[in-house]
Protein backbone atom coordinates (compact mmCIF):
# COMPACT_ATOMS: atom_id res chain seq x y z
CA MET A 1 -140.75 -101.55 11.31
CA PRO A 2 -142.89 -104.08 13.26
CA TRP A 3 -143.28 -103.37 16.95
CA TYR A 4 -141.72 -106.65 18.05
CA ARG A 5 -138.63 -106.04 15.88
CA LEU A 6 -138.25 -102.49 17.30
CA LYS A 7 -138.52 -103.73 20.86
CA LEU A 8 -135.96 -106.48 20.26
CA LEU A 9 -133.49 -104.01 18.78
CA MET A 10 -133.97 -101.66 21.72
CA ASN A 11 -133.36 -104.50 24.16
CA ALA A 12 -130.66 -106.41 22.25
CA ASP A 13 -128.09 -105.77 24.98
CA ALA A 14 -130.39 -107.43 27.51
CA LEU A 15 -130.17 -110.77 25.75
CA PRO A 16 -127.58 -113.16 27.21
CA PRO A 17 -124.59 -113.85 24.92
CA SER A 18 -125.43 -117.55 24.87
CA SER A 19 -128.99 -116.92 23.74
CA PRO A 20 -129.82 -118.70 20.46
CA VAL A 21 -131.32 -115.46 19.16
CA ALA A 22 -128.23 -113.29 19.73
CA GLY A 23 -127.17 -111.82 16.41
CA ASP A 24 -130.01 -113.61 14.60
CA ASP A 25 -132.78 -112.12 12.49
CA LEU A 26 -135.64 -111.98 14.96
CA THR A 27 -138.36 -111.22 12.45
CA PRO A 28 -140.94 -114.05 12.33
CA ARG A 29 -140.42 -116.08 9.18
CA GLY A 30 -142.37 -118.79 7.40
CA PRO A 31 -140.97 -122.18 6.38
CA TRP A 32 -140.10 -121.05 2.86
CA SER A 33 -137.34 -118.89 4.33
CA PHE A 34 -135.35 -121.99 5.32
CA MET A 35 -135.45 -123.89 2.02
CA GLY A 36 -131.88 -122.96 1.09
CA ALA A 37 -130.39 -123.53 4.53
CA ALA A 38 -132.02 -126.98 4.71
CA CYS A 39 -130.00 -128.15 1.68
CA ARG A 40 -126.89 -128.41 3.86
CA GLY A 41 -126.06 -131.12 6.38
CA GLY A 42 -127.75 -134.15 4.90
CA PHE A 43 -124.85 -136.61 5.19
CA SER A 44 -124.14 -136.77 8.92
CA PRO A 45 -124.29 -140.24 10.55
CA PRO A 46 -128.03 -139.91 11.36
CA GLY A 47 -128.61 -138.55 7.85
CA LEU A 48 -126.87 -141.55 6.30
CA GLN A 49 -128.93 -143.86 8.53
CA LEU A 50 -132.03 -142.07 7.23
CA LEU A 51 -130.98 -142.90 3.67
CA GLY A 52 -130.17 -146.49 4.63
CA GLY A 53 -133.45 -147.02 6.44
CA TRP A 54 -135.52 -145.76 3.53
CA LEU A 55 -133.49 -147.82 1.06
CA ALA A 56 -133.96 -150.98 3.15
CA PHE A 57 -137.69 -150.32 3.53
CA SER A 58 -138.11 -149.76 -0.22
CA LEU A 59 -136.13 -152.85 -1.20
CA LEU A 60 -138.00 -155.07 1.25
CA THR A 61 -141.44 -153.84 0.21
CA ASN A 62 -140.49 -154.37 -3.45
CA LEU A 63 -139.30 -157.86 -2.59
CA PHE A 64 -142.60 -158.51 -0.81
CA TRP A 65 -144.54 -157.44 -3.89
CA ALA A 66 -142.31 -159.49 -6.23
CA LEU A 67 -142.76 -162.63 -4.13
CA HIS A 68 -146.50 -162.04 -4.05
CA LEU A 69 -146.67 -161.74 -7.84
CA ARG A 70 -144.53 -164.83 -8.33
CA ASN A 71 -146.81 -166.86 -6.07
CA LEU A 72 -149.89 -165.35 -7.73
CA ILE A 73 -149.00 -165.78 -11.42
CA GLY A 74 -145.79 -167.84 -11.39
CA TRP A 75 -142.80 -167.08 -13.57
CA SER A 76 -144.36 -164.93 -16.26
CA ALA A 77 -143.23 -163.44 -19.57
CA LEU A 78 -145.04 -160.20 -18.65
CA PRO A 79 -141.82 -158.07 -18.76
CA ASN A 80 -141.54 -158.83 -22.49
CA TYR A 81 -144.84 -157.01 -23.04
CA TRP A 82 -144.28 -153.91 -20.90
CA GLY A 83 -144.76 -151.74 -23.96
CA GLU A 84 -148.47 -152.56 -24.13
CA ILE A 85 -150.94 -150.03 -22.73
CA LEU A 86 -153.03 -150.78 -19.68
CA THR A 87 -156.38 -149.08 -19.24
CA ALA A 88 -157.43 -147.37 -16.02
CA ARG A 89 -159.72 -150.34 -15.36
CA ASP A 90 -156.77 -152.77 -15.64
CA LEU A 91 -154.79 -150.71 -13.13
CA TRP A 92 -157.74 -150.59 -10.76
CA GLU A 93 -158.27 -154.35 -10.97
CA LEU A 94 -154.56 -154.96 -10.26
CA THR A 95 -154.65 -152.60 -7.26
CA ALA A 96 -158.01 -153.54 -5.75
CA ASN A 97 -158.31 -157.22 -6.63
CA GLY A 98 -154.71 -158.38 -6.72
CA GLY A 99 -155.33 -160.72 -3.80
CA LEU A 100 -152.40 -159.41 -1.77
CA ASN A 101 -152.01 -161.80 1.14
CA PRO A 102 -148.98 -161.66 3.43
CA HIS A 103 -149.44 -165.30 4.38
CA TRP A 104 -148.51 -166.31 0.83
CA VAL A 105 -144.96 -165.10 1.25
CA GLY A 106 -144.55 -165.71 4.99
CA PRO A 107 -144.19 -163.17 7.80
CA TRP A 108 -140.45 -162.50 7.57
CA VAL A 109 -140.34 -160.03 4.70
CA PRO A 110 -143.21 -157.86 6.08
CA LEU A 111 -141.60 -158.00 9.54
CA ALA A 112 -138.21 -156.94 8.15
CA ALA A 113 -139.88 -154.13 6.17
CA GLY A 114 -141.64 -152.91 9.33
CA SER A 115 -138.35 -152.95 11.22
CA ALA A 116 -136.67 -150.96 8.43
CA LEU A 117 -139.49 -148.41 8.59
CA LEU A 118 -139.00 -147.99 12.35
CA TRP A 119 -135.27 -147.59 11.77
CA PHE A 120 -135.99 -144.91 9.17
CA LEU A 121 -138.40 -143.04 11.48
CA TRP A 122 -135.98 -143.09 14.42
CA ALA A 123 -133.05 -142.02 12.22
CA GLY A 124 -135.20 -139.14 10.98
CA TRP A 125 -135.80 -137.99 14.55
CA ARG A 126 -132.10 -138.24 15.40
CA HIS A 127 -131.21 -136.31 12.25
CA GLN A 128 -133.78 -133.63 12.96
CA ALA A 129 -132.68 -133.21 16.57
CA GLU A 130 -129.04 -133.09 15.52
CA VAL A 131 -129.69 -130.18 13.15
CA ILE A 132 -130.62 -127.84 16.00
CA GLY A 133 -128.47 -129.40 18.72
CA LEU A 134 -131.14 -131.24 20.72
CA PRO A 135 -130.96 -134.69 22.32
CA ALA A 136 -133.11 -137.23 20.49
CA ARG A 137 -135.16 -138.54 23.41
CA PHE A 138 -137.65 -141.35 22.96
CA GLY A 139 -140.23 -139.60 25.14
CA ALA A 140 -140.41 -136.59 22.84
CA TRP A 141 -140.57 -138.88 19.79
CA LEU A 142 -143.46 -140.94 21.15
CA GLY A 143 -145.20 -138.04 22.91
CA GLY A 144 -145.12 -136.03 19.69
CA ALA A 145 -146.91 -138.88 17.91
CA LEU A 146 -149.67 -138.87 20.52
CA ASP A 147 -149.91 -135.07 20.28
CA THR A 148 -150.34 -135.39 16.52
CA LEU A 149 -153.27 -137.76 16.93
CA ALA A 150 -154.85 -135.27 19.33
CA ILE A 151 -154.49 -132.08 17.28
CA GLY A 152 -153.67 -133.13 13.72
CA ALA A 153 -155.64 -136.20 12.71
CA LEU A 154 -159.10 -134.60 12.75
CA PRO A 155 -158.50 -131.31 10.86
CA LEU A 156 -156.18 -132.91 8.32
CA GLY A 157 -158.50 -135.89 7.91
CA LEU A 158 -161.50 -133.61 7.31
CA LEU A 159 -159.61 -131.57 4.74
CA ALA A 160 -158.34 -134.65 2.91
CA GLY A 161 -161.79 -136.24 3.07
CA LEU A 162 -163.46 -133.19 1.52
CA LEU A 163 -160.90 -133.07 -1.28
CA ALA A 164 -161.19 -136.81 -1.95
CA PHE A 165 -165.01 -136.57 -1.92
CA GLY A 166 -164.91 -133.72 -4.44
CA LEU A 167 -162.56 -135.62 -6.74
CA ALA A 168 -164.71 -138.74 -6.47
CA GLY A 169 -167.73 -136.69 -7.47
CA LEU A 170 -165.90 -135.45 -10.55
CA GLY A 171 -164.75 -138.96 -11.38
CA GLY A 172 -168.32 -140.26 -11.11
CA THR A 173 -169.47 -138.09 -14.00
CA GLY A 174 -168.24 -140.68 -16.49
CA ILE A 175 -165.89 -138.29 -18.29
CA GLN A 176 -162.61 -140.10 -18.93
CA GLY A 177 -160.37 -137.11 -18.17
CA LEU A 178 -162.12 -136.48 -14.85
CA GLY A 179 -161.83 -140.18 -14.05
CA TRP A 180 -158.07 -139.98 -14.45
CA LEU A 181 -158.07 -136.78 -12.38
CA ASN A 182 -159.89 -138.62 -9.60
CA TRP A 183 -157.51 -141.58 -9.75
CA VAL A 184 -154.30 -139.53 -9.82
CA GLY A 185 -155.51 -136.62 -7.71
CA GLY A 186 -157.12 -138.88 -5.12
CA SER A 187 -153.87 -140.79 -4.73
CA LEU A 188 -151.92 -137.56 -4.27
CA VAL A 189 -154.44 -136.30 -1.71
CA ARG A 190 -154.07 -139.46 0.35
CA LEU A 191 -150.27 -139.30 0.18
CA ALA A 192 -150.36 -135.59 1.06
CA PHE A 193 -152.55 -136.34 4.08
CA PHE A 194 -149.99 -138.72 5.52
CA SER A 195 -147.15 -136.33 4.66
CA ALA A 196 -148.93 -133.45 6.43
CA LEU A 197 -149.62 -135.72 9.42
CA PHE A 198 -145.91 -136.52 9.61
CA LEU A 199 -145.14 -132.80 9.40
CA GLN A 200 -147.40 -132.13 12.37
CA TRP A 201 -145.60 -134.92 14.24
CA TRP A 202 -142.23 -133.32 13.50
CA LEU A 203 -143.45 -130.01 14.91
CA CYS A 204 -144.95 -131.65 18.00
CA ARG A 205 -141.89 -133.69 18.91
CA LEU A 206 -139.55 -130.73 18.38
CA GLY A 207 -141.84 -128.63 20.54
CA ARG A 208 -141.56 -131.20 23.30
CA ALA A 209 -137.78 -131.33 22.95
CA CYS A 210 -137.32 -127.54 23.18
CA PRO A 211 -140.33 -126.09 25.04
CA SER A 212 -140.58 -122.30 25.29
CA GLY A 213 -140.96 -121.09 28.86
CA GLY A 214 -141.26 -124.57 30.37
CA PHE A 215 -143.44 -127.44 29.22
CA ARG A 216 -147.18 -127.18 29.75
CA LEU A 217 -149.25 -129.63 27.76
CA GLY A 218 -152.07 -127.28 26.80
CA ARG A 219 -149.70 -124.51 25.76
CA HIS A 220 -147.52 -126.99 23.86
CA LEU A 221 -150.47 -128.39 21.90
CA GLY A 222 -151.77 -124.96 21.04
CA LEU A 223 -148.35 -123.75 19.95
CA SER A 224 -147.72 -126.85 17.81
CA PHE A 225 -151.12 -126.40 16.19
CA ARG A 226 -150.46 -122.72 15.44
CA ARG A 227 -147.00 -123.40 14.03
CA PHE A 228 -148.67 -125.50 11.37
CA TRP A 229 -151.87 -123.58 10.66
CA LEU A 230 -150.45 -120.04 10.79
CA HIS A 231 -148.56 -120.88 7.57
CA PRO A 232 -151.04 -123.12 5.71
CA VAL A 233 -150.16 -121.97 2.20
CA GLN A 234 -146.41 -122.47 2.66
CA TRP A 235 -146.70 -125.80 4.50
CA PHE A 236 -149.24 -127.31 2.10
CA ALA A 237 -147.28 -126.09 -0.91
CA LEU A 238 -144.19 -127.86 0.45
CA VAL A 239 -146.19 -131.00 1.26
CA LEU A 240 -147.88 -131.20 -2.14
CA ALA A 241 -144.71 -130.36 -4.06
CA GLY A 242 -142.79 -133.00 -2.11
CA VAL A 243 -145.42 -135.68 -2.69
CA ALA A 244 -145.71 -134.82 -6.39
CA LEU A 245 -141.93 -134.77 -6.89
CA ARG A 246 -141.25 -138.05 -5.07
CA THR A 247 -144.16 -139.81 -6.77
CA GLY A 248 -143.27 -138.31 -10.14
CA LEU A 249 -139.66 -139.53 -9.95
CA THR A 250 -140.83 -143.05 -9.12
CA LEU A 251 -143.43 -143.10 -11.90
CA ALA A 252 -140.93 -141.66 -14.38
CA VAL A 253 -138.60 -144.62 -13.82
CA LEU A 254 -141.49 -147.07 -14.13
CA GLY A 255 -142.68 -145.36 -17.30
CA LEU A 256 -139.20 -145.49 -18.80
CA ALA A 257 -138.90 -149.18 -17.97
CA TRP A 258 -142.35 -149.76 -19.43
CA ARG A 259 -141.24 -148.25 -22.75
CA TRP A 260 -137.92 -150.10 -22.78
CA GLY A 261 -139.35 -153.49 -21.93
CA GLY A 262 -137.57 -156.09 -19.82
CA GLY A 263 -136.49 -158.64 -22.37
CA THR A 264 -132.74 -158.40 -21.70
CA VAL A 265 -130.66 -158.61 -18.55
CA PRO A 266 -128.84 -155.26 -19.11
CA LYS A 267 -132.17 -153.46 -19.37
CA VAL A 268 -133.32 -154.99 -16.09
CA PHE A 269 -130.11 -153.93 -14.31
CA VAL A 270 -130.37 -150.38 -15.68
CA PHE A 271 -133.96 -150.25 -14.45
CA LEU A 272 -132.91 -151.45 -10.99
CA ALA A 273 -130.07 -148.90 -10.86
CA LEU A 274 -132.49 -146.09 -11.73
CA GLN A 275 -134.90 -147.30 -9.07
CA LEU A 276 -132.08 -147.32 -6.51
CA LEU A 277 -131.13 -143.76 -7.45
CA VAL A 278 -134.71 -142.54 -7.15
CA VAL A 279 -135.11 -144.17 -3.73
CA LEU A 280 -131.99 -142.38 -2.46
CA VAL A 281 -133.09 -139.05 -3.96
CA ASN A 282 -136.51 -139.41 -2.33
CA ALA A 283 -134.87 -140.20 1.01
CA TRP A 284 -132.71 -137.09 0.69
CA LEU A 285 -135.82 -135.01 -0.05
CA ILE A 286 -137.46 -136.33 3.10
CA GLY A 287 -134.32 -135.47 5.07
CA TRP A 288 -134.36 -131.98 3.52
CA PHE A 289 -137.94 -131.49 4.73
CA LEU A 290 -136.95 -132.68 8.21
CA ARG A 291 -134.11 -130.15 8.33
CA LEU A 292 -136.33 -127.36 7.07
CA THR A 293 -138.91 -128.07 9.79
CA ALA A 294 -136.23 -128.12 12.48
CA LEU A 295 -134.73 -124.83 11.33
CA PHE A 296 -138.15 -123.20 11.17
CA LEU A 297 -139.06 -124.33 14.68
CA ARG A 298 -135.71 -123.24 16.15
CA HIS A 299 -136.18 -119.75 14.73
CA ASP A 300 -139.81 -119.58 15.81
CA ALA A 301 -138.93 -120.69 19.35
CA ALA A 302 -136.09 -118.15 19.51
CA VAL A 303 -138.36 -115.28 18.46
CA ARG A 304 -141.05 -116.27 20.95
CA ALA A 305 -138.50 -116.66 23.77
CA ALA A 306 -136.99 -113.24 23.00
CA ILE A 307 -140.39 -111.56 22.98
CA GLU A 308 -141.26 -113.18 26.33
CA GLN A 309 -138.05 -111.78 27.83
CA LEU A 310 -138.98 -108.19 26.99
């Protein structure tokens, strides 16, 4: 039996009844231990606002892109030819040289999309704080973001940069399969970087909201950093699996619509309904990850507080 577990059992009567660790398993646990528990509690008022915010953001960004394409190419018969195959070069040209210009569609749709994103981020913080019974204060939300820039941007950016550089080197060999690996893998690496950066933010803001032994900035930053990097395999597995699953669901709907074609109104409405479903599922997955992070941090803080009391 680990020494810290033995000491906690020997001193269990010394813990106050109201302590969050009373009757709890005080063995340190990684984030994977909370995957099942995080499946519950996703439809509280803040959780529903999280779903609504992500849905609004997705719809508005899609509207922005649709208006851009209409202004760029006019009313086109392109949906009738969705079954045709695009090459990797065609996709790159559409992405890199599409001429996306927000001034073509006016500022209101991008502004509304930005507002929906802020709503989603704030609802996520309220939902996360609600899971472990903390007040959702703006100071912790904003301070956690600044903490993340201080301790998370550089190491995560270096790791993502090295991976992207390696994939680009493979893609530069001229082998078609490696070119696709660079295009798909590089996109996943970039998405995973932002997802991991958000994860570090979640840990930092929760650490500010429930500091162990009083708030001291240096101790808080070090603890937030260790909570992430002491479990790198588990955290990065969750990040990569989440990015791959959310992206895969979106691409699966697009691929299905591509095979169906868009020549009839019922097909278009089925496609839109599937897109709506995928957006809501992806929002729920993000909420699940928020709950998992909150449960992990509550347990970690309880174990550390109990050890400090001994």
